Structure formats: C-alpha cells, structure tokens
Amino acid sequence: MNNDKDLTQRGAENEVKGKAREAKGAIRDNVGDLTGNQSQELKGKGERLAGKAQQKVGEAQRKLDENV
C-alpha cells in the first residue's frame, strides 16, 4: 500500500480492483458451470465475493476520507 495516497485515492483504486476481481470471478464461475468443473465454479464464486468485499473497503475508505 502506498502511503503517499490519501484515502479517497486508495478507496477508488480498491473499488476498481474489486470490480475487476468480481468480473474475473464471474467469468471463472460461468466457465466452470459450462464445463461442469465444480472446482472452477467454486473458485469463481469465491473470487466474486472477494471482489465485492474489496469494493466495500474502497467505498468505506472514500467515505471516511470525505468525513475527516
């Protein structure tokens, strides 16, 4: 983590990275579903959840910086 960035910038980065991670997970989940690969499907679901969590962290960082 780069300490030179304020919370708003880090929050925005986390939101974007989280959305990308969620999209990657959705693709992996769908590929796993289409190919019948349950392992890939579950990994995709996990990645989607991790992406959503990262987005929420980013939102919280931005809101915290706005309120300080």
PDB file of N, CA and C in Angstrom:
ATOM      1  N   MET A   1       0.842  -1.169   0.000  1.00  0.00           N
ATOM      2  CA  MET A   1       0.000   0.000   0.000  1.00  0.00           C
ATOM      3  C   MET A   1       0.890   1.236   0.000  1.00  0.00           C
ATOM      4  N   ASN A   2       0.552   2.183  -0.816  1.00  0.00           N
ATOM      5  CA  ASN A   2       1.330   3.405  -0.945  1.00  0.00           C
ATOM      6  C   ASN A   2       0.781   4.454   0.021  1.00  0.00           C
ATOM      7  N   ASN A   3       1.585   4.882   0.982  1.00  0.00           N
ATOM      8  CA  ASN A   3       1.147   5.841   1.995  1.00  0.00           C
ATOM      9  C   ASN A   3       1.092   7.269   1.483  1.00  0.00           C
ATOM     10  N   ASP A   4       1.585   7.526   0.265  1.00  0.00           N
ATOM     11  CA  ASP A   4       1.539   8.865  -0.303  1.00  0.00           C
ATOM     12  C   ASP A   4       0.144   9.215  -0.820  1.00  0.00           C
ATOM     13  N   LYS A   5      -0.711   8.236  -0.945  1.00  0.00           N
ATOM     14  CA  LYS A   5      -2.054   8.467  -1.477  1.00  0.00           C
ATOM     15  C   LYS A   5      -3.022   8.678  -0.319  1.00  0.00           C
ATOM     16  N   ASP A   6      -3.984   9.560  -0.534  1.00  0.00           N
ATOM     17  CA  ASP A   6      -4.983   9.745   0.507  1.00  0.00           C
ATOM     18  C   ASP A   6      -6.026   8.633   0.420  1.00  0.00           C
ATOM     19  N   LEU A   7      -6.891   8.598   1.402  1.00  0.00           N
ATOM     20  CA  LEU A   7      -7.884   7.528   1.466  1.00  0.00           C
ATOM     21  C   LEU A   7      -8.821   7.532   0.263  1.00  0.00           C
ATOM     22  N   THR A   8      -9.123   8.702  -0.273  1.00  0.00           N
ATOM     23  CA  THR A   8     -10.008   8.768  -1.432  1.00  0.00           C
ATOM     24  C   THR A   8      -9.379   8.058  -2.622  1.00  0.00           C
ATOM     25  N   GLN A   9      -8.101   8.306  -2.862  1.00  0.00           N
ATOM     26  CA  GLN A   9      -7.414   7.654  -3.985  1.00  0.00           C
ATOM     27  C   GLN A   9      -7.303   6.150  -3.772  1.00  0.00           C
ATOM     28  N   ARG A  10      -6.915   5.761  -2.563  1.00  0.00           N
ATOM     29  CA  ARG A  10      -6.806   4.325  -2.270  1.00  0.00           C
ATOM     30  C   ARG A  10      -8.170   3.662  -2.346  1.00  0.00           C
ATOM     31  N   GLY A  11      -9.193   4.367  -1.877  1.00  0.00           N
ATOM     32  CA  GLY A  11     -10.546   3.832  -1.944  1.00  0.00           C
ATOM     33  C   GLY A  11     -10.998   3.621  -3.377  1.00  0.00           C
ATOM     34  N   ALA A  12     -10.718   4.604  -4.224  1.00  0.00           N
ATOM     35  CA  ALA A  12     -11.090   4.479  -5.635  1.00  0.00           C
ATOM     36  C   ALA A  12     -10.353   3.309  -6.291  1.00  0.00           C
ATOM     37  N   GLU A  13      -9.078   3.151  -5.956  1.00  0.00           N
ATOM     38  CA  GLU A  13      -8.300   2.034  -6.504  1.00  0.00           C
ATOM     39  C   GLU A  13      -8.875   0.696  -6.043  1.00  0.00           C
ATOM     40  N   ASN A  14      -9.227   0.609  -4.772  1.00  0.00           N
ATOM     41  CA  ASN A  14      -9.798  -0.628  -4.256  1.00  0.00           C
ATOM     42  C   ASN A  14     -11.143  -0.939  -4.908  1.00  0.00           C
ATOM     43  N   GLU A  15     -11.928   0.083  -5.171  1.00  0.00           N
ATOM     44  CA  GLU A  15     -13.207  -0.135  -5.842  1.00  0.00           C
ATOM     45  C   GLU A  15     -12.993  -0.687  -7.254  1.00  0.00           C
ATOM     46  N   VAL A  16     -12.079  -0.093  -7.987  1.00  0.00           N
ATOM     47  CA  VAL A  16     -11.814  -0.541  -9.364  1.00  0.00           C
ATOM     48  C   VAL A  16     -11.236  -1.955  -9.368  1.00  0.00           C
ATOM     49  N   LYS A  17     -10.258  -2.193  -8.498  1.00  0.00           N
ATOM     50  CA  LYS A  17      -9.659  -3.534  -8.430  1.00  0.00           C
ATOM     51  C   LYS A  17     -10.688  -4.559  -7.986  1.00  0.00           C
ATOM     52  N   GLY A  18     -11.557  -4.175  -7.082  1.00  0.00           N
ATOM     53  CA  GLY A  18     -12.605  -5.076  -6.625  1.00  0.00           C
ATOM     54  C   GLY A  18     -13.589  -5.431  -7.735  1.00  0.00           C
ATOM     55  N   LYS A  19     -13.953  -4.436  -8.531  1.00  0.00           N
ATOM     56  CA  LYS A  19     -14.865  -4.688  -9.653  1.00  0.00           C
ATOM     57  C   LYS A  19     -14.221  -5.610 -10.677  1.00  0.00           C
ATOM     58  N   ALA A  20     -12.934  -5.400 -10.930  1.00  0.00           N
ATOM     59  CA  ALA A  20     -12.214  -6.264 -11.872  1.00  0.00           C
ATOM     60  C   ALA A  20     -12.133  -7.687 -11.331  1.00  0.00           C
ATOM     61  N   ARG A  21     -11.856  -7.810 -10.055  1.00  0.00           N
ATOM     62  CA  ARG A  21     -11.765  -9.134  -9.431  1.00  0.00           C
ATOM     63  C   ARG A  21     -13.117  -9.844  -9.464  1.00  0.00           C
ATOM     64  N   GLU A  22     -14.166  -9.076  -9.233  1.00  0.00           N
ATOM     65  CA  GLU A  22     -15.513  -9.645  -9.278  1.00  0.00           C
ATOM     66  C   GLU A  22     -15.846 -10.130 -10.692  1.00  0.00           C
ATOM     67  N   ALA A  23     -15.476  -9.342 -11.696  1.00  0.00           N
ATOM     68  CA  ALA A  23     -15.726  -9.735 -13.085  1.00  0.00           C
ATOM     69  C   ALA A  23     -14.940 -10.997 -13.447  1.00  0.00           C
ATOM     70  N   LYS A  24     -13.690 -11.053 -13.013  1.00  0.00           N
ATOM     71  CA  LYS A  24     -12.860 -12.229 -13.266  1.00  0.00           C
ATOM     72  C   LYS A  24     -13.484 -13.464 -12.621  1.00  0.00           C
ATOM     73  N   GLY A  25     -13.985 -13.297 -11.408  1.00  0.00           N
ATOM     74  CA  GLY A  25     -14.638 -14.400 -10.721  1.00  0.00           C
ATOM     75  C   GLY A  25     -15.900 -14.851 -11.419  1.00  0.00           C
ATOM     76  N   ALA A  26     -16.662 -13.895 -11.953  1.00  0.00           N
ATOM     77  CA  ALA A  26     -17.890 -14.238 -12.668  1.00  0.00           C
ATOM     78  C   ALA A  26     -17.574 -15.058 -13.909  1.00  0.00           C
ATOM     79  N   ILE A  27     -16.525 -14.672 -14.605  1.00  0.00           N
ATOM     80  CA  ILE A  27     -16.119 -15.417 -15.801  1.00  0.00           C
ATOM     81  C   ILE A  27     -15.702 -16.832 -15.408  1.00  0.00           C
ATOM     82  N   ARG A  28     -14.895 -16.925 -14.378  1.00  0.00           N
ATOM     83  CA  ARG A  28     -14.423 -18.242 -13.925  1.00  0.00           C
ATOM     84  C   ARG A  28     -15.604 -19.113 -13.470  1.00  0.00           C
ATOM     85  N   ASP A  29     -16.532 -18.505 -12.764  1.00  0.00           N
ATOM     86  CA  ASP A  29     -17.726 -19.206 -12.304  1.00  0.00           C
ATOM     87  C   ASP A  29     -18.525 -19.731 -13.499  1.00  0.00           C
ATOM     88  N   ASN A  30     -18.746 -18.881 -14.487  1.00  0.00           N
ATOM     89  CA  ASN A  30     -19.521 -19.277 -15.670  1.00  0.00           C
ATOM     90  C   ASN A  30     -18.816 -20.353 -16.490  1.00  0.00           C
ATOM     91  N   VAL A  31     -17.511 -20.238 -16.642  1.00  0.00           N
ATOM     92  CA  VAL A  31     -16.750 -21.261 -17.377  1.00  0.00           C
ATOM     93  C   VAL A  31     -16.837 -22.593 -16.637  1.00  0.00           C
ATOM     94  N   GLY A  32     -16.687 -22.537 -15.326  1.00  0.00           N
ATOM     95  CA  GLY A  32     -16.809 -23.750 -14.531  1.00  0.00           C
ATOM     96  C   GLY A  32     -18.180 -24.383 -14.666  1.00  0.00           C
ATOM     97  N   ASP A  33     -19.214 -23.555 -14.696  1.00  0.00           N
ATOM     98  CA  ASP A  33     -20.577 -24.040 -14.852  1.00  0.00           C
ATOM     99  C   ASP A  33     -20.777 -24.679 -16.229  1.00  0.00           C
ATOM    100  N   LEU A  34     -20.288 -24.002 -17.258  1.00  0.00           N
ATOM    101  CA  LEU A  34     -20.449 -24.513 -18.628  1.00  0.00           C
ATOM    102  C   LEU A  34     -19.688 -25.807 -18.875  1.00  0.00           C
ATOM    103  N   THR A  35     -18.533 -25.949 -18.244  1.00  0.00           N
ATOM    104  CA  THR A  35     -17.704 -27.135 -18.459  1.00  0.00           C
ATOM    105  C   THR A  35     -17.963 -28.222 -17.424  1.00  0.00           C
ATOM    106  N   GLY A  36     -18.809 -27.921 -16.446  1.00  0.00           N
ATOM    107  CA  GLY A  36     -19.088 -28.896 -15.405  1.00  0.00           C
ATOM    108  C   GLY A  36     -17.954 -29.040 -14.403  1.00  0.00           C
ATOM    109  N   ASN A  37     -17.066 -28.054 -14.364  1.00  0.00           N
ATOM    110  CA  ASN A  37     -15.928 -28.082 -13.445  1.00  0.00           C
ATOM    111  C   ASN A  37     -16.324 -27.361 -12.157  1.00  0.00           C
ATOM    112  N   GLN A  38     -16.749 -28.137 -11.174  1.00  0.00           N
ATOM    113  CA  GLN A  38     -17.245 -27.564  -9.932  1.00  0.00           C
ATOM    114  C   GLN A  38     -16.151 -26.793  -9.184  1.00  0.00           C
ATOM    115  N   SER A  39     -14.915 -27.251  -9.271  1.00  0.00           N
ATOM    116  CA  SER A  39     -13.809 -26.572  -8.600  1.00  0.00           C
ATOM    117  C   SER A  39     -13.643 -25.147  -9.131  1.00  0.00           C
ATOM    118  N   GLN A  40     -13.661 -24.987 -10.447  1.00  0.00           N
ATOM    119  CA  GLN A  40     -13.526 -23.658 -11.051  1.00  0.00           C
ATOM    120  C   GLN A  40     -14.729 -22.782 -10.710  1.00  0.00           C
ATOM    121  N   GLU A  41     -15.886 -23.407 -10.686  1.00  0.00           N
ATOM    122  CA  GLU A  41     -17.105 -22.679 -10.350  1.00  0.00           C
ATOM    123  C   GLU A  41     -17.013 -22.118  -8.926  1.00  0.00           C
ATOM    124  N   LEU A  42     -16.580 -22.949  -7.990  1.00  0.00           N
ATOM    125  CA  LEU A  42     -16.454 -22.503  -6.599  1.00  0.00           C
ATOM    126  C   LEU A  42     -15.364 -21.452  -6.430  1.00  0.00           C
ATOM    127  N   LYS A  43     -14.248 -21.617  -7.142  1.00  0.00           N
ATOM    128  CA  LYS A  43     -13.184 -20.608  -7.087  1.00  0.00           C
ATOM    129  C   LYS A  43     -13.699 -19.279  -7.628  1.00  0.00           C
ATOM    130  N   GLY A  44     -14.495 -19.346  -8.685  1.00  0.00           N
ATOM    131  CA  GLY A  44     -15.077 -18.132  -9.257  1.00  0.00           C
ATOM    132  C   GLY A  44     -16.007 -17.433  -8.285  1.00  0.00           C
ATOM    133  N   LYS A  45     -16.826 -18.217  -7.603  1.00  0.00           N
ATOM    134  CA  LYS A  45     -17.739 -17.631  -6.614  1.00  0.00           C
ATOM    135  C   LYS A  45     -16.950 -16.957  -5.481  1.00  0.00           C
ATOM    136  N   GLY A  46     -15.881 -17.612  -5.052  1.00  0.00           N
ATOM    137  CA  GLY A  46     -15.040 -17.032  -4.008  1.00  0.00           C
ATOM    138  C   GLY A  46     -14.385 -15.738  -4.454  1.00  0.00           C
ATOM    139  N   GLU A  47     -13.927 -15.734  -5.697  1.00  0.00           N
ATOM    140  CA  GLU A  47     -13.282 -14.536  -6.229  1.00  0.00           C
ATOM    141  C   GLU A  47     -14.286 -13.390  -6.364  1.00  0.00           C
ATOM    142  N   ARG A  48     -15.502 -13.722  -6.748  1.00  0.00           N
ATOM    143  CA  ARG A  48     -16.547 -12.698  -6.842  1.00  0.00           C
ATOM    144  C   ARG A  48     -16.806 -12.072  -5.471  1.00  0.00           C
ATOM    145  N   LEU A  49     -16.903 -12.915  -4.451  1.00  0.00           N
ATOM    146  CA  LEU A  49     -17.139 -12.397  -3.097  1.00  0.00           C
ATOM    147  C   LEU A  49     -15.977 -11.541  -2.612  1.00  0.00           C
ATOM    148  N   ALA A  50     -14.760 -11.977  -2.911  1.00  0.00           N
ATOM    149  CA  ALA A  50     -13.580 -11.199  -2.520  1.00  0.00           C
ATOM    150  C   ALA A  50     -13.580  -9.845  -3.228  1.00  0.00           C
ATOM    151  N   GLY A  51     -13.993  -9.830  -4.489  1.00  0.00           N
ATOM    152  CA  GLY A  51     -14.076  -8.579  -5.231  1.00  0.00           C
ATOM    153  C   GLY A  51     -15.106  -7.633  -4.641  1.00  0.00           C
ATOM    154  N   LYS A  52     -16.252  -8.183  -4.252  1.00  0.00           N
ATOM    155  CA  LYS A  52     -17.290  -7.349  -3.633  1.00  0.00           C
ATOM    156  C   LYS A  52     -16.792  -6.768  -2.308  1.00  0.00           C
ATOM    157  N   ALA A  53     -16.092  -7.595  -1.545  1.00  0.00           N
ATOM    158  CA  ALA A  53     -15.545  -7.122  -0.266  1.00  0.00           C
ATOM    159  C   ALA A  53     -14.532  -6.004  -0.495  1.00  0.00           C
ATOM    160  N   GLN A  54     -13.677  -6.166  -1.502  1.00  0.00           N
ATOM    161  CA  GLN A  54     -12.669  -5.148  -1.804  1.00  0.00           C
ATOM    162  C   GLN A  54     -13.355  -3.843  -2.222  1.00  0.00           C
ATOM    163  N   GLN A  55     -14.446  -3.949  -2.972  1.00  0.00           N
ATOM    164  CA  GLN A  55     -15.189  -2.750  -3.359  1.00  0.00           C
ATOM    165  C   GLN A  55     -15.745  -2.041  -2.130  1.00  0.00           C
ATOM    166  N   LYS A  56     -16.270  -2.802  -1.185  1.00  0.00           N
ATOM    167  CA  LYS A  56     -16.833  -2.210   0.034  1.00  0.00           C
ATOM    168  C   LYS A  56     -15.749  -1.524   0.867  1.00  0.00           C
ATOM    169  N   VAL A  57     -14.565  -2.118   0.904  1.00  0.00           N
ATOM    170  CA  VAL A  57     -13.443  -1.482   1.602  1.00  0.00           C
ATOM    171  C   VAL A  57     -13.126  -0.143   0.935  1.00  0.00           C
ATOM    172  N   GLY A  58     -13.098  -0.136  -0.386  1.00  0.00           N
ATOM    173  CA  GLY A  58     -12.831   1.095  -1.124  1.00  0.00           C
ATOM    174  C   GLY A  58     -13.867   2.164  -0.856  1.00  0.00           C
ATOM    175  N   GLU A  59     -15.133   1.758  -0.838  1.00  0.00           N
ATOM    176  CA  GLU A  59     -16.208   2.710  -0.546  1.00  0.00           C
ATOM    177  C   GLU A  59     -16.042   3.290   0.860  1.00  0.00           C
ATOM    178  N   ALA A  60     -15.724   2.427   1.804  1.00  0.00           N
ATOM    179  CA  ALA A  60     -15.543   2.878   3.191  1.00  0.00           C
ATOM    180  C   ALA A  60     -14.362   3.843   3.302  1.00  0.00           C
ATOM    181  N   GLN A  61     -13.280   3.554   2.590  1.00  0.00           N
ATOM    182  CA  GLN A  61     -12.111   4.441   2.614  1.00  0.00           C
ATOM    183  C   GLN A  61     -12.466   5.815   2.079  1.00  0.00           C
ATOM    184  N   ARG A  62     -13.188   5.843   0.969  1.00  0.00           N
ATOM    185  CA  ARG A  62     -13.569   7.135   0.381  1.00  0.00           C
ATOM    186  C   ARG A  62     -14.485   7.909   1.325  1.00  0.00           C
ATOM    187  N   LYS A  63     -15.473   7.221   1.902  1.00  0.00           N
ATOM    188  CA  LYS A  63     -16.419   7.900   2.805  1.00  0.00           C
ATOM    189  C   LYS A  63     -15.725   8.395   4.058  1.00  0.00           C
ATOM    190  N   LEU A  64     -14.791   7.608   4.570  1.00  0.00           N
ATOM    191  CA  LEU A  64     -14.036   8.021   5.754  1.00  0.00           C
ATOM    192  C   LEU A  64     -13.238   9.276   5.452  1.00  0.00           C
ATOM    193  N   ASP A  65     -12.593   9.325   4.299  1.00  0.00           N
ATOM    194  CA  ASP A  65     -11.792  10.498   3.942  1.00  0.00           C
ATOM    195  C   ASP A  65     -12.680  11.721   3.738  1.00  0.00           C
ATOM    196  N   GLU A  66     -13.886  11.521   3.199  1.00  0.00           N
ATOM    197  CA  GLU A  66     -14.808  12.642   2.983  1.00  0.00           C
ATOM    198  C   GLU A  66     -15.280  13.229   4.305  1.00  0.00           C
ATOM    199  N   ASN A  67     -15.372  12.374   5.324  1.00  0.00           N
ATOM    200  CA  ASN A  67     -15.893  12.816   6.618  1.00  0.00           C
ATOM    201  C   ASN A  67     -14.819  13.333   7.573  1.00  0.00           C
ATOM    202  N   VAL A  68     -13.556  13.239   7.158  1.00  0.00           N
ATOM    203  CA  VAL A  68     -12.474  13.690   8.041  1.00  0.00           C
ATOM    204  C   VAL A  68     -12.163  15.141   7.787  1.00  0.00           C
TER     205      VAL A  68
END
